[in-house]
Amino acid sequence: MGIFDKIKGAIWGEAKAAEAAPAPTQATTATANPEPVPTPAASSTTAPTSPATSAPAAPVDIAAILDAAVKKSGQKLDWKHSIVDLMKALGMDASLSERKELAQELGYTGDIGDSAKMNTFLHKALLKKLSDNGGKVPADLLD
């Protein structure tokens, strides 16, 4: 799994966790009722719903997820301007080696020795790719 996939997984996982908050109550209720057990049709109905959930019907609100992640981290992080802070907000390793790997994944062709330019590229390219993959990113961050 690449770095982008880890970032996307962390964000989409947070989105699913937020959506699933009421779901455990429903799952517990379904488990308590013996009637749903013998329903193979229900499981075939559920199968299409799962892919629809993983390919978001409604875009995942990247800003809301990352704002919540920053708050949860208890750190002062500026994910809107820093790839390092964005990765830290998600609890990821933001080391130079990880960022170099992400740069390779996102097609960075500049000097990887110039970490400031690389980080600027990474931040913009990551937000663009998240947007392309169903994420709702504020327009001012996509410029």
N, C-alpha and C. Protein backbone atom coordinates (compact mmCIF):
# COMPACT_ATOMS: atom_id res chain seq x y z
N MET A 1 0.86 -1.17 0.00
CA MET A 1 0.00 0.00 0.00
C MET A 1 0.90 1.23 0.00
N GLY A 2 0.61 2.15 -0.91
CA GLY A 2 1.39 3.36 -1.01
C GLY A 2 0.98 4.42 0.02
N ILE A 3 1.77 5.47 0.09
CA ILE A 3 1.51 6.54 1.04
C ILE A 3 0.17 7.22 0.73
N PHE A 4 -0.10 7.49 -0.56
CA PHE A 4 -1.38 8.11 -0.90
C PHE A 4 -2.54 7.24 -0.44
N ASP A 5 -2.43 5.95 -0.67
CA ASP A 5 -3.51 5.04 -0.25
C ASP A 5 -3.69 5.05 1.27
N LYS A 6 -2.59 5.19 2.00
CA LYS A 6 -2.68 5.26 3.47
C LYS A 6 -3.39 6.55 3.89
N ILE A 7 -3.04 7.65 3.23
CA ILE A 7 -3.68 8.94 3.55
C ILE A 7 -5.17 8.87 3.22
N LYS A 8 -5.47 8.39 2.02
CA LYS A 8 -6.87 8.28 1.61
C LYS A 8 -7.64 7.34 2.55
N GLY A 9 -7.03 6.23 2.89
CA GLY A 9 -7.66 5.28 3.80
C GLY A 9 -7.94 5.89 5.16
N ALA A 10 -7.00 6.68 5.65
CA ALA A 10 -7.19 7.34 6.95
C ALA A 10 -8.34 8.33 6.88
N ILE A 11 -8.41 9.11 5.82
CA ILE A 11 -9.48 10.10 5.69
C ILE A 11 -10.83 9.43 5.48
N TRP A 12 -10.89 8.49 4.55
CA TRP A 12 -12.16 7.82 4.28
C TRP A 12 -12.57 6.97 5.49
N GLY A 13 -11.61 6.43 6.21
CA GLY A 13 -11.92 5.67 7.43
C GLY A 13 -12.55 6.56 8.48
N GLU A 14 -12.05 7.78 8.61
CA GLU A 14 -12.64 8.74 9.55
C GLU A 14 -14.06 9.11 9.11
N ALA A 15 -14.24 9.26 7.80
CA ALA A 15 -15.58 9.60 7.28
C ALA A 15 -16.56 8.46 7.56
N LYS A 16 -16.12 7.23 7.34
CA LYS A 16 -16.99 6.08 7.61
C LYS A 16 -17.29 5.95 9.09
N ALA A 17 -16.29 6.23 9.91
CA ALA A 17 -16.49 6.15 11.36
C ALA A 17 -17.53 7.17 11.80
N ALA A 18 -17.49 8.35 11.21
CA ALA A 18 -18.47 9.38 11.55
C ALA A 18 -19.87 8.98 11.09
N GLU A 19 -19.95 8.38 9.90
CA GLU A 19 -21.25 7.92 9.39
C GLU A 19 -21.77 6.72 10.19
N ALA A 20 -20.86 5.88 10.64
CA ALA A 20 -21.24 4.63 11.30
C ALA A 20 -21.60 4.81 12.77
N ALA A 21 -21.49 5.99 13.30
CA ALA A 21 -21.80 6.20 14.71
C ALA A 21 -23.17 5.65 15.09
N PRO A 22 -24.25 5.91 14.34
CA PRO A 22 -25.52 5.30 14.69
C PRO A 22 -25.63 3.83 14.27
N ALA A 23 -24.76 3.38 13.38
CA ALA A 23 -24.85 2.02 12.85
C ALA A 23 -24.70 0.93 13.91
N PRO A 24 -23.83 1.05 14.92
CA PRO A 24 -23.73 -0.03 15.90
C PRO A 24 -25.05 -0.31 16.60
N THR A 25 -25.86 0.70 16.82
CA THR A 25 -27.15 0.49 17.44
C THR A 25 -28.03 -0.35 16.52
N GLN A 26 -28.00 -0.04 15.23
CA GLN A 26 -28.80 -0.81 14.26
C GLN A 26 -28.28 -2.23 14.16
N ALA A 27 -26.95 -2.39 14.13
CA ALA A 27 -26.37 -3.73 14.03
C ALA A 27 -26.72 -4.56 15.26
N THR A 28 -26.67 -3.95 16.43
CA THR A 28 -27.02 -4.65 17.65
C THR A 28 -28.48 -5.06 17.61
N THR A 29 -29.34 -4.17 17.12
CA THR A 29 -30.76 -4.49 17.01
C THR A 29 -30.97 -5.62 16.02
N ALA A 30 -30.27 -5.58 14.89
CA ALA A 30 -30.41 -6.63 13.89
C ALA A 30 -29.92 -7.96 14.44
N THR A 31 -28.86 -7.95 15.22
CA THR A 31 -28.35 -9.18 15.82
C THR A 31 -29.32 -9.73 16.85
N ALA A 32 -29.99 -8.85 17.57
CA ALA A 32 -30.93 -9.29 18.60
C ALA A 32 -32.18 -9.90 17.98
N ASN A 33 -32.58 -9.48 16.79
CA ASN A 33 -33.76 -10.02 16.12
C ASN A 33 -33.37 -11.26 15.32
N PRO A 34 -34.00 -12.41 15.61
CA PRO A 34 -33.65 -13.62 14.87
C PRO A 34 -34.16 -13.61 13.43
N GLU A 35 -35.12 -12.78 13.09
CA GLU A 35 -35.71 -12.78 11.76
C GLU A 35 -34.71 -12.47 10.64
N PRO A 36 -33.80 -11.50 10.76
CA PRO A 36 -32.92 -11.19 9.65
C PRO A 36 -31.88 -12.26 9.34
N VAL A 37 -31.67 -13.23 10.22
CA VAL A 37 -30.63 -14.23 10.02
C VAL A 37 -30.80 -15.02 8.73
N PRO A 38 -31.97 -15.60 8.42
CA PRO A 38 -32.05 -16.42 7.21
C PRO A 38 -32.41 -15.60 5.96
N THR A 39 -31.74 -14.49 5.72
CA THR A 39 -32.06 -13.68 4.55
C THR A 39 -30.87 -13.55 3.61
N PRO A 40 -30.66 -14.54 2.74
CA PRO A 40 -29.58 -14.42 1.76
C PRO A 40 -29.82 -13.21 0.84
N ALA A 41 -31.08 -12.90 0.59
CA ALA A 41 -31.39 -11.73 -0.24
C ALA A 41 -30.90 -10.46 0.43
N ALA A 42 -30.97 -10.41 1.74
CA ALA A 42 -30.49 -9.22 2.47
C ALA A 42 -28.99 -9.06 2.29
N SER A 43 -28.24 -10.17 2.30
CA SER A 43 -26.79 -10.04 2.13
C SER A 43 -26.45 -9.64 0.70
N SER A 44 -27.24 -10.10 -0.30
CA SER A 44 -26.96 -9.64 -1.66
C SER A 44 -27.39 -8.19 -1.82
N THR A 45 -28.35 -7.76 -1.03
CA THR A 45 -28.74 -6.34 -1.03
C THR A 45 -27.64 -5.51 -0.37
N THR A 46 -27.04 -6.07 0.67
CA THR A 46 -26.00 -5.34 1.39
C THR A 46 -24.73 -5.23 0.55
N ALA A 47 -24.44 -6.23 -0.26
CA ALA A 47 -23.21 -6.21 -1.05
C ALA A 47 -23.10 -4.98 -1.94
N PRO A 48 -24.14 -4.62 -2.73
CA PRO A 48 -24.01 -3.42 -3.52
C PRO A 48 -23.91 -2.14 -2.68
N THR A 49 -24.47 -2.17 -1.49
CA THR A 49 -24.42 -0.98 -0.64
C THR A 49 -23.00 -0.72 -0.16
N SER A 50 -22.24 -1.77 0.16
CA SER A 50 -20.88 -1.60 0.63
C SER A 50 -19.99 -0.91 -0.39
N PRO A 51 -19.95 -1.38 -1.67
CA PRO A 51 -19.15 -0.65 -2.65
C PRO A 51 -19.63 0.78 -2.84
N ALA A 52 -20.93 0.99 -2.78
CA ALA A 52 -21.44 2.36 -2.93
C ALA A 52 -20.94 3.24 -1.79
N THR A 53 -20.78 2.65 -0.61
CA THR A 53 -20.28 3.41 0.53
C THR A 53 -18.79 3.70 0.35
N SER A 54 -18.01 2.71 -0.16
CA SER A 54 -16.59 2.94 -0.33
C SER A 54 -16.31 3.87 -1.50
N ALA A 55 -17.15 3.86 -2.53
CA ALA A 55 -17.09 4.87 -3.57
C ALA A 55 -18.18 5.87 -3.22
N PRO A 56 -17.80 6.93 -2.50
CA PRO A 56 -18.79 7.78 -1.86
C PRO A 56 -19.87 8.33 -2.78
N ALA A 57 -21.12 8.13 -2.38
CA ALA A 57 -22.24 8.71 -3.11
C ALA A 57 -22.18 10.23 -2.93
N ALA A 58 -21.94 10.65 -1.72
CA ALA A 58 -21.72 12.06 -1.42
C ALA A 58 -20.23 12.23 -1.18
N PRO A 59 -19.66 13.31 -1.67
CA PRO A 59 -18.21 13.49 -1.47
C PRO A 59 -17.84 13.54 0.01
N VAL A 60 -16.66 13.02 0.31
CA VAL A 60 -16.14 13.07 1.67
C VAL A 60 -15.62 14.47 1.92
N ASP A 61 -16.06 15.10 2.99
CA ASP A 61 -15.66 16.46 3.32
C ASP A 61 -14.27 16.44 3.94
N ILE A 62 -13.26 16.66 3.09
CA ILE A 62 -11.87 16.58 3.52
C ILE A 62 -11.57 17.59 4.63
N ALA A 63 -12.03 18.82 4.48
CA ALA A 63 -11.76 19.86 5.47
C ALA A 63 -12.33 19.48 6.84
N ALA A 64 -13.56 18.99 6.86
CA ALA A 64 -14.18 18.62 8.14
C ALA A 64 -13.42 17.46 8.79
N ILE A 65 -13.03 16.47 8.00
CA ILE A 65 -12.30 15.32 8.53
C ILE A 65 -10.96 15.76 9.11
N LEU A 66 -10.22 16.59 8.34
CA LEU A 66 -8.90 17.02 8.80
C LEU A 66 -8.98 17.99 9.97
N ASP A 67 -9.99 18.86 9.97
CA ASP A 67 -10.16 19.75 11.12
C ASP A 67 -10.42 18.93 12.39
N ALA A 68 -11.25 17.91 12.27
CA ALA A 68 -11.55 17.04 13.42
C ALA A 68 -10.30 16.26 13.84
N ALA A 69 -9.51 15.82 12.87
CA ALA A 69 -8.28 15.07 13.17
C ALA A 69 -7.28 15.95 13.92
N VAL A 70 -7.17 17.22 13.50
CA VAL A 70 -6.27 18.16 14.19
C VAL A 70 -6.74 18.36 15.62
N LYS A 71 -8.03 18.57 15.79
CA LYS A 71 -8.57 18.78 17.13
C LYS A 71 -8.31 17.55 18.02
N LYS A 72 -8.54 16.38 17.45
CA LYS A 72 -8.35 15.12 18.17
C LYS A 72 -6.87 14.92 18.54
N SER A 73 -5.97 15.40 17.69
CA SER A 73 -4.53 15.22 17.94
C SER A 73 -4.04 16.04 19.13
N GLY A 74 -4.74 17.15 19.42
CA GLY A 74 -4.33 18.02 20.50
C GLY A 74 -3.11 18.88 20.17
N GLN A 75 -2.69 18.85 18.91
CA GLN A 75 -1.54 19.63 18.47
C GLN A 75 -2.00 20.84 17.67
N LYS A 76 -1.13 21.81 17.55
CA LYS A 76 -1.43 22.97 16.72
C LYS A 76 -0.87 22.66 15.33
N LEU A 77 -1.73 22.19 14.44
CA LEU A 77 -1.32 21.77 13.10
C LEU A 77 -2.06 22.58 12.04
N ASP A 78 -1.35 22.95 11.00
CA ASP A 78 -1.92 23.73 9.90
C ASP A 78 -1.99 22.86 8.64
N TRP A 79 -2.93 21.92 8.60
CA TRP A 79 -3.04 21.00 7.48
C TRP A 79 -3.37 21.72 6.17
N LYS A 80 -3.96 22.90 6.23
CA LYS A 80 -4.34 23.62 5.02
C LYS A 80 -3.14 24.16 4.25
N HIS A 81 -1.99 24.23 4.91
CA HIS A 81 -0.81 24.79 4.25
C HIS A 81 0.42 23.89 4.33
N SER A 82 0.37 22.84 5.10
CA SER A 82 1.55 22.02 5.35
C SER A 82 1.25 20.53 5.14
N ILE A 83 2.00 19.91 4.25
CA ILE A 83 1.85 18.47 4.04
C ILE A 83 2.28 17.71 5.30
N VAL A 84 3.30 18.22 5.98
CA VAL A 84 3.77 17.58 7.21
C VAL A 84 2.66 17.60 8.26
N ASP A 85 2.04 18.76 8.44
CA ASP A 85 0.95 18.86 9.43
C ASP A 85 -0.25 18.02 9.04
N LEU A 86 -0.54 17.95 7.74
CA LEU A 86 -1.66 17.13 7.27
C LEU A 86 -1.41 15.67 7.63
N MET A 87 -0.21 15.20 7.35
CA MET A 87 0.12 13.80 7.66
C MET A 87 0.10 13.55 9.17
N LYS A 88 0.64 14.50 9.94
CA LYS A 88 0.64 14.36 11.40
C LYS A 88 -0.78 14.33 11.96
N ALA A 89 -1.66 15.14 11.39
CA ALA A 89 -3.05 15.16 11.84
C ALA A 89 -3.70 13.79 11.69
N LEU A 90 -3.28 13.05 10.67
CA LEU A 90 -3.82 11.71 10.43
C LEU A 90 -3.07 10.63 11.21
N GLY A 91 -2.10 11.07 12.03
CA GLY A 91 -1.33 10.11 12.82
C GLY A 91 -0.31 9.35 12.00
N MET A 92 0.11 9.93 10.88
CA MET A 92 1.05 9.26 9.99
C MET A 92 2.47 9.74 10.19
N ASP A 93 3.40 8.97 9.71
CA ASP A 93 4.81 9.34 9.70
C ASP A 93 4.99 10.40 8.61
N ALA A 94 5.46 11.57 9.00
CA ALA A 94 5.65 12.67 8.05
C ALA A 94 7.13 12.90 7.78
N SER A 95 7.93 11.87 7.95
CA SER A 95 9.37 11.99 7.75
C SER A 95 9.69 12.32 6.30
N LEU A 96 10.90 12.80 6.07
CA LEU A 96 11.33 13.14 4.73
C LEU A 96 11.28 11.93 3.81
N SER A 97 11.65 10.78 4.31
CA SER A 97 11.62 9.57 3.47
C SER A 97 10.19 9.23 3.04
N GLU A 98 9.23 9.39 3.94
CA GLU A 98 7.82 9.15 3.59
C GLU A 98 7.35 10.15 2.55
N ARG A 99 7.75 11.41 2.73
CA ARG A 99 7.35 12.44 1.78
C ARG A 99 8.01 12.24 0.42
N LYS A 100 9.24 11.74 0.41
CA LYS A 100 9.90 11.44 -0.86
C LYS A 100 9.17 10.32 -1.58
N GLU A 101 8.73 9.33 -0.83
CA GLU A 101 7.97 8.23 -1.43
C GLU A 101 6.65 8.75 -2.00
N LEU A 102 5.98 9.62 -1.25
CA LEU A 102 4.73 10.22 -1.73
C LEU A 102 5.00 11.05 -2.98
N ALA A 103 6.11 11.78 -3.00
CA ALA A 103 6.47 12.59 -4.17
C ALA A 103 6.61 11.70 -5.40
N GLN A 104 7.22 10.55 -5.23
CA GLN A 104 7.37 9.62 -6.35
C GLN A 104 6.00 9.13 -6.82
N GLU A 105 5.13 8.78 -5.88
CA GLU A 105 3.78 8.31 -6.22
C GLU A 105 2.98 9.36 -6.97
N LEU A 106 3.14 10.63 -6.57
CA LEU A 106 2.34 11.71 -7.16
C LEU A 106 3.01 12.34 -8.38
N GLY A 107 4.14 11.78 -8.80
CA GLY A 107 4.77 12.22 -10.04
C GLY A 107 5.61 13.48 -9.93
N TYR A 108 6.20 13.74 -8.78
CA TYR A 108 7.05 14.92 -8.62
C TYR A 108 8.31 14.74 -9.44
N THR A 109 8.63 15.72 -10.27
CA THR A 109 9.81 15.64 -11.13
C THR A 109 10.89 16.65 -10.72
N GLY A 110 10.62 17.43 -9.70
CA GLY A 110 11.60 18.41 -9.24
C GLY A 110 12.70 17.79 -8.40
N ASP A 111 13.50 18.63 -7.82
CA ASP A 111 14.62 18.22 -6.98
C ASP A 111 14.11 17.79 -5.60
N ILE A 112 14.26 16.51 -5.28
CA ILE A 112 13.79 16.03 -3.97
C ILE A 112 14.68 16.54 -2.84
N GLY A 113 15.81 17.12 -3.19
CA GLY A 113 16.67 17.73 -2.20
C GLY A 113 16.14 19.08 -1.73
N ASP A 114 15.26 19.68 -2.53
CA ASP A 114 14.64 20.96 -2.17
C ASP A 114 13.30 20.64 -1.52
N SER A 115 13.36 20.35 -0.22
CA SER A 115 12.15 19.86 0.46
C SER A 115 11.05 20.91 0.50
N ALA A 116 11.38 22.20 0.52
CA ALA A 116 10.34 23.23 0.55
C ALA A 116 9.50 23.18 -0.74
N LYS A 117 10.15 23.12 -1.88
CA LYS A 117 9.41 23.03 -3.15
C LYS A 117 8.66 21.71 -3.25
N MET A 118 9.31 20.64 -2.82
CA MET A 118 8.66 19.34 -2.87
C MET A 118 7.42 19.33 -1.98
N ASN A 119 7.53 19.88 -0.77
CA ASN A 119 6.39 19.91 0.15
C ASN A 119 5.23 20.71 -0.42
N THR A 120 5.53 21.84 -1.07
CA THR A 120 4.48 22.65 -1.69
C THR A 120 3.78 21.84 -2.78
N PHE A 121 4.58 21.19 -3.62
CA PHE A 121 4.01 20.33 -4.66
C PHE A 121 3.14 19.23 -4.04
N LEU A 122 3.68 18.57 -3.02
CA LEU A 122 2.96 17.45 -2.40
C LEU A 122 1.61 17.87 -1.85
N HIS A 123 1.59 19.00 -1.18
CA HIS A 123 0.35 19.47 -0.58
C HIS A 123 -0.71 19.71 -1.65
N LYS A 124 -0.34 20.44 -2.70
CA LYS A 124 -1.29 20.73 -3.78
C LYS A 124 -1.70 19.46 -4.53
N ALA A 125 -0.72 18.63 -4.86
CA ALA A 125 -1.01 17.41 -5.62
C ALA A 125 -1.87 16.44 -4.80
N LEU A 126 -1.60 16.35 -3.51
CA LEU A 126 -2.38 15.45 -2.66
C LEU A 126 -3.84 15.90 -2.58
N LEU A 127 -4.06 17.18 -2.33
CA LEU A 127 -5.43 17.68 -2.24
C LEU A 127 -6.16 17.52 -3.58
N LYS A 128 -5.45 17.73 -4.68
CA LYS A 128 -6.06 17.54 -6.01
C LYS A 128 -6.45 16.08 -6.20
N LYS A 129 -5.55 15.17 -5.84
CA LYS A 129 -5.83 13.74 -6.01
C LYS A 129 -6.96 13.28 -5.09
N LEU A 130 -7.01 13.82 -3.87
CA LEU A 130 -8.12 13.50 -2.98
C LEU A 130 -9.44 13.98 -3.59
N SER A 131 -9.41 15.16 -4.19
CA SER A 131 -10.59 15.70 -4.86
C SER A 131 -11.00 14.82 -6.04
N ASP A 132 -10.03 14.38 -6.80
CA ASP A 132 -10.29 13.51 -7.96
C ASP A 132 -10.85 12.16 -7.54
N ASN A 133 -10.61 11.77 -6.30
CA ASN A 133 -11.06 10.47 -5.80
C ASN A 133 -12.32 10.56 -4.93
N GLY A 134 -13.06 11.65 -5.06
CA GLY A 134 -14.33 11.76 -4.34
C GLY A 134 -14.27 12.59 -3.09
N GLY A 135 -13.20 13.31 -2.88
CA GLY A 135 -13.10 14.18 -1.72
C GLY A 135 -13.58 15.58 -2.05
N LYS A 136 -14.26 16.19 -1.10
CA LYS A 136 -14.71 17.58 -1.26
C LYS A 136 -13.66 18.46 -0.59
N VAL A 137 -12.88 19.15 -1.44
CA VAL A 137 -11.77 19.98 -0.96
C VAL A 137 -12.16 21.44 -1.22
N PRO A 138 -11.96 22.32 -0.24
CA PRO A 138 -12.27 23.73 -0.46
C PRO A 138 -11.54 24.26 -1.71
N ALA A 139 -12.26 25.01 -2.53
CA ALA A 139 -11.74 25.50 -3.80
C ALA A 139 -10.44 26.29 -3.64
N ASP A 140 -10.33 27.07 -2.56
CA ASP A 140 -9.12 27.88 -2.38
C ASP A 140 -7.87 27.02 -2.12
N LEU A 141 -8.05 25.76 -1.76
CA LEU A 141 -6.92 24.87 -1.55
C LEU A 141 -6.53 24.11 -2.81
N LEU A 142 -7.35 24.23 -3.82
CA LEU A 142 -7.05 23.55 -5.09
C LEU A 142 -6.37 24.45 -6.10
N ASP A 143 -6.21 25.72 -5.77
CA ASP A 143 -5.57 26.67 -6.70
C ASP A 143 -4.10 26.40 -6.83
